Amino acid sequence: MGTLFLGSCASGVIWSRIGMTETEFLNTKKNRKRVHLVQESMTKSIYKANDFNFFFYFQDKILVEKNEGQRQSDFILENRNR
């Protein structure tokens, strides 16, 4: 009974790995209906999982980052007036 429960929980996960291509990501059977395109440009694409707040970032058609929508800023400002 426990195995059945754990198996059903795992089925909700979007399968991905850093470095996979965008085509592999979209062709994965479990992902096909569970993600949608949020933003696209010539070199970047962002997908969001429909079931929960999780984002997948592709650059040049390669998965480079996945997170819950919290990205580090590109610049870190330091207070140097101490």
Protein backbone atom coordinates (compact mmCIF):
# COMPACT_ATOMS: atom_id res chain seq x y z
CA MET A 1 0.00 0.00 0.00
CA GLY A 2 2.85 2.38 0.87
CA THR A 3 4.56 1.68 -2.44
CA LEU A 4 1.38 2.60 -4.32
CA PHE A 5 1.15 5.88 -2.41
CA LEU A 6 4.79 6.81 -3.07
CA GLY A 7 4.46 5.89 -6.74
CA SER A 8 1.44 8.14 -7.15
CA CYS A 9 3.27 11.06 -5.52
CA ALA A 10 6.26 10.67 -7.82
CA SER A 11 4.04 10.79 -10.90
CA GLY A 12 3.37 14.51 -10.27
CA VAL A 13 7.01 15.46 -10.80
CA ILE A 14 8.10 17.13 -14.02
CA TRP A 15 11.05 15.11 -15.29
CA SER A 16 14.08 17.16 -16.21
CA ARG A 17 17.85 17.38 -15.85
CA ILE A 18 20.21 20.28 -16.37
CA GLY A 19 21.79 20.01 -19.82
CA MET A 20 18.88 18.28 -21.56
CA THR A 21 17.59 19.81 -24.79
CA GLU A 22 14.31 21.65 -25.02
CA THR A 23 13.02 19.01 -27.45
CA GLU A 24 13.83 16.17 -25.00
CA PHE A 25 12.07 18.10 -22.24
CA LEU A 26 8.91 18.68 -24.29
CA ASN A 27 8.82 15.14 -25.74
CA THR A 28 8.94 13.47 -22.32
CA LYS A 29 5.51 11.86 -22.01
CA LYS A 30 4.89 13.09 -18.46
CA ASN A 31 5.86 16.69 -19.32
CA ARG A 32 3.90 17.14 -22.53
CA LYS A 33 0.64 18.37 -20.97
CA ARG A 34 2.07 19.59 -17.68
CA VAL A 35 4.12 22.61 -18.81
CA HIS A 36 3.43 25.74 -20.84
CA LEU A 37 5.62 28.37 -22.45
CA VAL A 38 5.80 31.61 -20.47
CA GLN A 39 8.40 33.59 -22.40
CA GLU A 40 10.41 33.04 -25.55
CA SER A 41 13.08 34.97 -27.44
CA MET A 42 15.65 34.03 -30.06
CA THR A 43 17.99 32.41 -27.51
CA LYS A 44 15.93 31.93 -24.32
CA SER A 45 12.73 30.09 -23.35
CA ILE A 46 10.97 29.82 -20.00
CA TYR A 47 8.39 27.13 -19.20
CA LYS A 48 6.15 26.89 -16.14
CA ALA A 49 4.74 23.70 -14.65
CA ASN A 50 0.94 23.90 -14.65
CA ASP A 51 0.45 22.07 -11.35
CA PHE A 52 2.81 24.13 -9.20
CA ASN A 53 5.02 27.19 -9.25
CA PHE A 54 8.15 25.75 -10.86
CA PHE A 55 10.03 27.26 -13.79
CA PHE A 56 12.44 25.80 -16.36
CA TYR A 57 14.94 28.11 -18.09
CA PHE A 58 16.42 27.20 -21.48
CA GLN A 59 19.24 29.06 -23.19
CA ASP A 60 20.12 28.10 -26.75
CA LYS A 61 17.67 25.16 -26.44
CA ILE A 62 19.51 23.68 -23.38
CA LEU A 63 18.05 23.53 -19.84
CA VAL A 64 20.33 25.72 -17.73
CA GLU A 65 18.25 26.34 -14.60
CA LYS A 66 15.11 25.22 -12.81
CA ASN A 67 13.61 26.82 -9.71
CA GLU A 68 10.47 28.06 -7.99
CA GLY A 69 10.60 31.47 -9.64
CA GLN A 70 13.27 32.85 -7.34
CA ARG A 71 16.32 33.72 -9.40
CA GLN A 72 19.48 35.31 -8.10
CA SER A 73 19.95 38.86 -9.22
CA ASP A 74 22.63 39.47 -11.81
CA PHE A 75 24.25 42.16 -9.65
CA ILE A 76 25.06 42.16 -5.96
CA LEU A 77 25.17 45.64 -4.48
CA GLU A 78 27.36 46.20 -1.44
CA ASN A 79 27.24 49.09 0.97
CA ARG A 80 30.79 50.45 0.89
CA ASN A 81 30.07 53.50 3.06
CA ARG A 82 30.86 51.77 6.34
